[in-house]
Protein backbone atom coordinates (compact mmCIF):
# COMPACT_ATOMS: atom_id res chain seq x y z
CA MET A 1 12.40 -1.24 -42.46
CA PRO A 2 8.60 -0.83 -42.33
CA ILE A 3 6.98 -0.97 -38.91
CA GLN A 4 5.06 -4.23 -38.52
CA VAL A 5 1.52 -3.93 -37.15
CA ILE A 6 -0.19 -7.00 -35.67
CA ASP A 7 -3.87 -6.57 -34.84
CA PRO A 8 -5.60 -9.96 -34.46
CA TYR A 9 -8.78 -8.35 -33.09
CA GLY A 10 -9.54 -5.73 -35.74
CA VAL A 11 -9.67 -3.03 -33.07
CA THR A 12 -9.67 -0.04 -35.42
CA ALA A 13 -13.43 -0.47 -35.99
CA ASP A 14 -14.20 0.20 -32.30
CA ARG A 15 -16.07 3.52 -32.11
CA GLU A 16 -15.82 3.67 -28.30
CA LEU A 17 -12.04 3.60 -28.58
CA ALA A 18 -11.87 6.04 -31.47
CA THR A 19 -8.14 6.80 -31.18
CA LEU A 20 -7.08 3.20 -31.88
CA PRO A 21 -6.55 3.81 -35.63
CA LEU A 22 -4.03 6.52 -34.71
CA ALA A 23 -2.33 4.35 -32.11
CA LEU A 24 -1.81 1.64 -34.75
CA ASP A 25 -0.76 3.93 -37.60
CA PRO A 26 3.03 3.57 -38.01
CA ALA A 27 3.52 7.09 -39.34
CA VAL A 28 1.50 8.70 -36.56
CA VAL A 29 3.13 6.54 -33.87
CA LYS A 30 6.56 7.44 -35.19
CA SER A 31 5.73 11.14 -35.01
CA GLU A 32 4.23 10.95 -31.50
CA PHE A 33 7.05 8.83 -30.06
CA LYS A 34 9.78 10.94 -31.59
CA ARG A 35 9.56 13.74 -29.04
CA GLY A 36 6.64 12.71 -26.85
CA LEU A 37 8.42 10.53 -24.27
CA PRO A 38 11.14 12.60 -22.57
CA LEU A 39 10.93 10.55 -19.36
CA LEU A 40 12.29 7.63 -21.35
CA ALA A 41 14.63 9.27 -23.84
CA GLY A 42 15.55 12.50 -22.08
CA PRO A 43 15.14 16.01 -23.56
CA ASP A 44 17.46 15.34 -26.51
CA GLY A 45 16.71 11.67 -27.21
CA ARG A 46 14.30 9.90 -29.51
CA VAL A 47 12.10 6.84 -29.28
CA ARG A 48 11.80 4.98 -32.59
CA PRO A 49 9.01 2.37 -32.94
CA LYS A 50 9.92 -0.90 -34.63
CA ALA A 51 6.77 -3.02 -34.21
CA ILE A 52 3.19 -2.60 -32.95
CA ARG A 53 1.09 -5.43 -31.46
CA VAL A 54 -2.40 -5.47 -30.00
CA VAL A 55 -2.09 -7.97 -27.14
CA ARG A 56 -5.30 -7.52 -25.17
CA TYR A 57 -8.66 -6.10 -26.09
CA ARG A 58 -12.11 -5.76 -24.58
CA PRO A 59 -14.47 -4.26 -27.15
CA GLY A 60 -15.76 -0.85 -26.19
CA LYS A 61 -13.82 -0.90 -22.93
CA ARG A 62 -10.04 -1.02 -23.18
CA CYS A 63 -7.07 -2.04 -25.27
CA LEU A 64 -3.45 -2.91 -24.52
CA ILE A 65 -0.82 -2.40 -27.20
CA GLU A 66 2.85 -3.38 -27.17
CA TYR A 67 5.37 -1.20 -28.96
CA ASP A 68 8.84 -2.50 -29.69
CA VAL A 69 11.04 0.60 -29.64
CA ARG A 70 14.64 1.68 -29.85
CA VAL A 71 15.69 4.47 -27.49
CA GLU A 72 18.39 6.76 -28.85
CA ARG A 73 20.17 9.34 -26.69
CA PRO A 74 23.26 11.42 -27.38
CA ASP A 75 26.47 9.68 -26.34
CA VAL A 76 24.56 6.65 -25.02
CA GLN A 77 24.33 3.22 -26.62
CA ARG A 78 20.99 2.48 -28.27
CA GLU A 79 18.59 0.58 -26.08
CA LYS A 80 15.74 -1.76 -27.00
CA ARG A 81 12.56 -1.57 -24.96
CA ILE A 82 8.98 -2.82 -25.07
CA LEU A 83 6.39 -0.23 -24.09
CA MET A 84 2.86 -1.09 -23.00
CA GLY A 85 0.29 1.44 -24.19
CA LYS A 86 -3.09 1.45 -22.44
CA LEU A 87 -6.34 2.97 -23.67
CA ARG A 88 -9.65 2.98 -21.81
CA ALA A 89 -13.00 4.24 -23.00
CA ARG A 90 -13.80 7.78 -21.87
CA GLN A 91 -10.37 8.11 -20.24
CA PHE A 92 -7.35 10.18 -21.22
CA GLY A 93 -4.69 8.17 -19.34
CA SER A 94 -3.38 11.02 -17.21
CA SER A 95 -4.85 9.77 -13.93
CA ASP A 96 -3.47 6.25 -14.44
CA PHE A 97 -0.07 7.68 -15.27
CA ARG A 98 -0.06 9.91 -12.19
CA LEU A 99 -1.10 7.02 -9.95
CA LEU A 100 1.85 4.91 -11.08
CA LEU A 101 4.20 7.84 -10.50
CA SER A 102 2.74 8.29 -7.02
CA LEU A 103 3.19 4.61 -6.23
CA ARG A 104 6.82 4.70 -7.29
CA ASP A 105 7.32 7.79 -5.13
CA ALA A 106 5.75 5.84 -2.25
CA GLY A 107 8.45 3.15 -2.41
CA PHE A 108 7.41 0.96 -5.35
CA ASP A 109 10.27 1.85 -7.71
CA SER A 110 12.97 -0.57 -8.84
CA LYS A 111 15.38 0.63 -6.13
CA THR A 112 13.21 -0.49 -3.24
CA LEU A 113 14.99 -2.92 -0.92
CA ASP A 114 12.03 -5.24 -0.52
CA GLY A 115 11.80 -5.80 -4.29
CA ILE A 116 8.08 -4.96 -4.45
CA CYS A 117 7.65 -2.61 -7.41
CA VAL A 118 5.35 -1.25 -10.07
CA PRO A 119 6.44 -0.80 -13.72
CA ARG A 120 8.09 2.41 -14.83
CA PRO A 121 5.62 4.88 -16.39
CA VAL A 122 7.08 6.73 -19.37
CA GLY A 123 4.46 9.19 -20.56
CA VAL A 124 1.02 10.18 -21.77
CA LEU A 125 0.15 10.70 -25.44
CA PRO A 126 -2.96 12.92 -25.46
CA ARG A 127 -3.54 12.43 -29.17
CA PHE A 128 -3.98 8.69 -28.55
CA ARG A 129 -5.67 9.11 -25.13
CA MET A 130 -3.04 6.64 -24.04
CA TRP A 131 -0.46 6.32 -21.31
CA LEU A 132 2.60 4.10 -21.50
CA GLN A 133 4.79 2.09 -19.18
CA CYS A 134 7.83 -0.12 -19.67
CA LYS A 135 7.09 -3.82 -19.97
CA VAL A 136 8.76 -5.81 -17.22
CA PRO A 137 10.33 -9.22 -17.84
CA GLY A 138 9.39 -12.25 -15.79
CA ASP A 139 6.69 -14.85 -15.16
CA VAL A 140 3.11 -14.32 -14.06
CA ALA A 141 2.53 -15.58 -10.54
CA SER A 142 -0.33 -17.85 -11.67
CA ASP A 143 2.25 -20.04 -13.46
CA LEU A 144 4.34 -20.36 -10.30
CA LEU A 145 1.87 -20.85 -7.46
CA ALA A 146 1.49 -24.55 -8.27
CA THR A 147 5.26 -25.14 -8.19
CA PRO A 148 7.36 -25.98 -5.11
CA ALA A 149 8.07 -22.24 -4.79
CA GLY A 150 4.36 -21.46 -4.52
CA VAL A 151 4.10 -21.20 -0.74
CA GLY A 152 7.04 -18.83 -0.45
CA LEU A 153 5.69 -16.76 -3.33
CA ALA A 154 2.28 -16.57 -1.65
CA ARG A 155 3.86 -15.08 1.46
CA ARG A 156 5.63 -12.45 -0.62
CA ILE A 157 2.41 -11.58 -2.42
CA ALA A 158 0.75 -11.06 0.97
CA GLU A 159 3.60 -8.70 1.86
CA ALA A 160 3.08 -6.83 -1.41
CA ALA A 161 -0.63 -6.33 -0.70
CA HIS A 162 0.14 -5.13 2.82
CA LYS A 163 2.73 -2.69 1.50
CA LEU A 164 0.19 -1.28 -0.96
CA HIS A 165 -2.34 -0.81 1.82
CA GLU A 166 0.19 0.85 4.09
CA ALA A 167 1.29 3.23 1.33
CA ASP A 168 -2.36 4.32 1.05
CA VAL A 169 -1.74 6.50 -2.01
CA PRO A 170 -4.70 8.94 -2.15
CA THR A 171 -7.61 8.37 -4.51
CA ALA A 172 -11.15 9.70 -4.71
CA LYS A 173 -12.55 6.30 -5.74
CA ARG A 174 -14.35 4.15 -3.15
CA HIS A 175 -15.50 0.53 -3.10
CA THR A 176 -17.64 -0.76 -0.25
CA MET A 177 -19.15 -4.10 0.67
CA SER A 178 -22.44 -2.77 -0.70
CA ASP A 179 -20.75 -2.15 -4.04
CA GLU A 180 -19.36 -5.68 -4.01
CA LEU A 181 -22.79 -7.18 -3.34
CA ARG A 182 -24.40 -5.02 -6.02
CA ILE A 183 -21.90 -6.28 -8.62
CA LEU A 184 -22.33 -9.87 -7.47
CA GLU A 185 -26.12 -9.64 -7.66
CA ALA A 186 -25.96 -8.31 -11.23
CA CYS A 187 -23.58 -11.13 -12.20
CA LEU A 188 -25.71 -13.91 -10.72
CA ARG A 189 -28.86 -12.45 -12.27
CA ARG A 190 -27.22 -12.68 -15.69
CA VAL A 191 -26.41 -16.33 -15.11
CA ALA A 192 -29.98 -16.99 -13.99
CA GLN A 193 -31.30 -15.42 -17.18
CA SER A 194 -29.12 -17.66 -19.35
CA GLU A 195 -29.60 -20.75 -17.16
CA PRO A 196 -33.13 -20.63 -15.68
CA ARG A 197 -32.74 -24.17 -14.29
CA TRP A 198 -30.25 -22.78 -11.75
CA SER A 199 -32.25 -19.71 -10.76
CA GLN A 200 -33.33 -20.98 -7.32
CA ARG A 201 -29.84 -22.21 -6.52
CA LEU A 202 -28.31 -18.90 -7.56
CA GLU A 203 -30.87 -17.05 -5.43
CA ARG A 204 -29.85 -19.11 -2.40
CA VAL A 205 -26.16 -18.41 -3.06
CA LEU A 206 -26.85 -14.70 -3.35
CA GLY A 207 -28.84 -14.68 -0.13
CA ALA A 208 -26.08 -16.53 1.70
CA CYS A 209 -23.52 -14.01 0.41
CA GLN A 210 -25.66 -11.13 1.62
CA ARG A 211 -25.99 -12.65 5.09
CA LEU A 212 -22.28 -13.33 5.25
CA ALA A 213 -21.43 -9.76 4.25
CA ALA A 214 -23.81 -8.30 6.83
CA ASN A 215 -21.78 -9.88 9.63
CA VAL A 216 -18.33 -8.67 8.54
CA PRO A 217 -16.92 -6.01 10.90
CA GLN A 218 -16.23 -2.75 9.09
CA LEU A 219 -12.60 -1.62 9.01
CA ALA A 220 -11.07 1.67 7.98
CA PRO A 221 -10.58 1.67 4.18
CA CYS A 222 -7.16 1.93 2.60
CA GLY A 223 -5.65 2.20 -0.87
CA SER A 224 -6.48 -1.10 -2.58
CA HIS A 225 -5.80 -2.70 -5.95
CA ARG A 226 -9.36 -4.08 -6.21
CA ASP A 227 -8.48 -6.47 -9.07
CA PHE A 228 -5.75 -8.36 -7.25
CA TYR A 229 -5.08 -11.87 -8.53
CA ALA A 230 -2.11 -13.91 -9.69
CA ASP A 231 -2.02 -12.63 -13.28
CA GLN A 232 -1.50 -9.12 -11.89
CA VAL A 233 1.82 -10.10 -10.32
CA ILE A 234 5.01 -10.55 -12.34
CA VAL A 235 7.92 -12.39 -10.74
CA SER A 236 11.18 -11.03 -12.13
CA GLY A 237 14.12 -12.53 -10.26
CA PRO A 238 14.06 -11.06 -6.75
CA ARG A 239 11.39 -8.52 -7.69
CA LEU A 240 7.63 -8.63 -7.67
CA TYR A 241 5.87 -6.21 -10.01
CA LEU A 242 2.24 -5.31 -9.37
CA LEU A 243 0.27 -4.54 -12.53
CA ASP A 244 -2.97 -2.94 -13.71
CA PHE A 245 -4.21 -0.39 -11.22
CA ASP A 246 -7.27 0.53 -13.32
CA LEU A 247 -9.62 -0.15 -10.39
CA TYR A 248 -7.44 1.27 -7.62
CA CYS A 249 -9.62 2.71 -4.86
CA ARG A 250 -10.14 2.96 -1.12
CA ALA A 251 -11.63 -0.28 0.17
CA ASP A 252 -11.66 -2.72 3.06
CA PRO A 253 -8.13 -4.08 3.66
CA GLY A 254 -9.50 -7.62 3.34
CA LEU A 255 -10.69 -7.11 -0.23
CA ASP A 256 -7.43 -7.65 -2.13
CA ILE A 257 -6.34 -10.86 -0.41
CA GLY A 258 -9.88 -12.22 -0.43
CA ASN A 259 -10.09 -11.57 -4.17
CA PHE A 260 -6.72 -13.23 -4.68
CA LEU A 261 -7.72 -16.31 -2.65
CA GLY A 262 -10.97 -16.69 -4.56
CA HIS A 263 -9.03 -16.69 -7.82
CA VAL A 264 -6.59 -19.31 -6.49
CA THR A 265 -9.47 -21.60 -5.52
CA GLU A 266 -11.04 -21.18 -8.95
CA GLN A 267 -7.68 -21.89 -10.60
CA SER A 268 -7.31 -25.06 -8.50
CA LEU A 269 -10.76 -26.31 -9.52
CA ARG A 270 -10.34 -25.47 -13.19
CA THR A 271 -6.78 -26.70 -13.72
CA ARG A 272 -6.65 -29.61 -11.27
CA GLY A 273 -10.26 -30.56 -10.74
CA ASN A 274 -9.83 -30.05 -7.00
CA PRO A 275 -10.56 -26.75 -5.22
CA GLU A 276 -8.25 -27.79 -2.39
CA ALA A 277 -5.24 -28.48 -4.63
CA LEU A 278 -3.48 -25.26 -3.65
CA SER A 279 -4.74 -25.06 -0.07
CA ASP A 280 -1.17 -24.75 1.25
CA VAL A 281 -0.66 -21.70 -0.95
CA GLU A 282 -3.96 -20.20 0.20
CA GLN A 283 -3.15 -20.80 3.85
CA ALA A 284 0.31 -19.23 3.51
CA LEU A 285 -1.17 -16.18 1.79
CA GLU A 286 -3.89 -15.63 4.38
CA GLU A 287 -1.69 -16.27 7.42
CA ARG A 288 1.10 -13.96 6.30
CA PHE A 289 -1.35 -11.18 5.49
CA VAL A 290 -3.11 -11.55 8.85
CA GLU A 291 0.28 -11.61 10.58
CA LEU A 292 1.10 -8.24 9.00
CA SER A 293 -2.32 -6.59 9.11
CA GLY A 294 -3.77 -7.97 12.31
CA GLU A 295 -6.31 -10.65 13.18
CA ARG A 296 -9.13 -8.16 12.73
CA VAL A 297 -8.85 -8.47 8.92
CA ARG A 298 -9.47 -12.22 8.81
CA PRO A 299 -13.30 -12.12 8.70
CA ALA A 300 -13.22 -9.70 5.76
CA VAL A 301 -10.58 -11.75 3.95
CA ARG A 302 -12.70 -14.89 4.22
CA ALA A 303 -15.91 -13.11 3.27
CA TYR A 304 -14.39 -11.51 0.18
CA THR A 305 -12.90 -14.89 -0.77
CA LEU A 306 -16.39 -16.42 -0.91
CA LEU A 307 -17.88 -13.40 -2.69
CA THR A 308 -15.14 -13.63 -5.31
CA LEU A 309 -15.72 -17.35 -5.75
CA ALA A 310 -19.44 -16.69 -6.25
CA ARG A 311 -18.65 -14.02 -8.85
CA HIS A 312 -16.62 -16.65 -10.72
CA ILE A 313 -19.87 -18.50 -11.42
CA TYR A 314 -20.65 -15.66 -13.79
CA LEU A 315 -17.08 -15.16 -15.01
CA SER A 316 -16.90 -18.80 -16.09
CA THR A 317 -19.78 -18.20 -18.50
CA ARG A 318 -17.86 -15.45 -20.30
CA PHE A 319 -15.12 -17.78 -21.52
CA PRO A 320 -16.09 -20.81 -23.65
CA GLU A 321 -13.14 -22.82 -22.35
CA ARG A 322 -14.31 -22.30 -18.75
CA SER A 323 -18.04 -22.83 -19.14
CA ARG A 324 -17.83 -26.52 -18.29
CA TRP A 325 -16.81 -25.52 -14.77
CA THR A 326 -19.81 -23.27 -14.12
CA GLU A 327 -21.94 -25.84 -12.31
CA SER A 328 -18.93 -27.11 -10.36
CA LEU A 329 -18.35 -23.56 -9.14
CA LEU A 330 -22.01 -23.25 -8.22
CA GLU A 331 -21.83 -26.48 -6.22
CA LEU A 332 -18.65 -25.35 -4.48
CA CYS A 333 -20.23 -22.04 -3.47
CA GLU A 334 -23.31 -23.85 -2.19
CA GLN A 335 -21.13 -26.07 -0.02
CA ARG A 336 -18.93 -23.34 1.38
CA LEU A 337 -21.79 -20.91 1.98
CA GLY A 338 -24.16 -23.50 3.38
CA ALA A 339 -26.62 -22.66 0.63
CA THR A 340 -27.70 -26.14 -0.48
CA ALA A 341 -31.40 -26.85 -0.77
CA ARG A 342 -33.19 -28.27 2.26
CA THR A 343 -35.24 -31.39 1.60
CA THR A 344 -38.84 -31.44 2.81
CA PRO A 345 -41.66 -33.95 2.28
CA HIS A 346 -42.70 -31.80 -0.69
CA GLY A 347 -39.21 -31.73 -2.26
CA PRO A 348 -36.19 -29.45 -2.05
CA ARG A 349 -36.55 -25.89 -0.75
C-alpha cells in the first residue's frame, strides 16, 4: 500500500526548514527508517512507515510530524507505533534527543514509581535534521483541569515541576528575570503598535511588571521547562508525561509554576468568561508546589504568574479566535497589577 502523506500547511515550501521535503517523501522516509532507529527496532529489526502527517507547524521556526509505523523484529510480533518527528530551524535535533535521554536517566522513564515521565526518545535522523520520540496516549491536562479531578491533577502537576527542578539535568542555557522582562516588553510594544489607543495603558502595565520583578528575591536557578502549561502535560492513566523541552534552561524555580498559573487564568477567562473560574485549581497547584519547594518560592511564583498573564495580552492577538479577549486580558492585568489610570482634574493619568 502507498504511504499516505497529509500536509495541510504546505510545509515543503519553507526555506528555513529545508529538510521538510525529505521528511515528507515516502521513499526517503522508508529508507531512513529502515535501519536508522535501532533504539526502537533493535540491531536486526526494521521500522516501516505507513502514514505521514504534519500536525503542527510554525513557519520558519519548527514543525512536528507524526509517522504511523510498524516495528518488525525477529521472533517478535509486529508492533504498531506512532512516532513524533521534530524539526527546528538551525537545529540538528541531537541536543533535544540527548536531553530527553538524560531526563529518563534521571528518573523520568516509564518505570518510575511516581508515574512522572517523559516520552521515549527513539533516534536522530541527521539527513532530516530531525529527532523522534514515541507518541504517548492520553489526554492533555488542559481538558481535565476544569473537571472534578482538576484539583488533584493540579497537585500532581506541581509535584512533576518540583521533580524536574530537583533533577536539575545540566544545560548551558539560562533564563533570568531580565530576560523575561525583555521578552514581555517586546510583546507589549508590538501590541501598542497595532493598537495605538492602548499604548498608555500598556506602558503602565509594563511599568508595573518591572516594579514587581524588581522586588522578587533571587533564588538559585535550577533546570526548568520554561514553557510549562497544561498542553505540555499528558495524563495517561496513572502517568503524567511532560512534553516539549525545546526551551529547557536554568531559571528561577518559580518560573514554571508561575507560567502554568498564568495560562490557567487565561484559560478560565477565555473559556468561561471568568478569570476566577479555576481558582481552586490554581490554589492547589501553588500550595502543593510551595509545600514541596519552600515558602521562599512563593513571591517568584506570583510574580511570574502576572508576567505570564501580561504576555498573554500579546499572545491573544496572534490567534484570530482569541483576539476578542485582548482588552479583557489588558483590564485584568491592570487590576491585578494596580496599573489602572489615576483620575485628575485634567483627566486620567
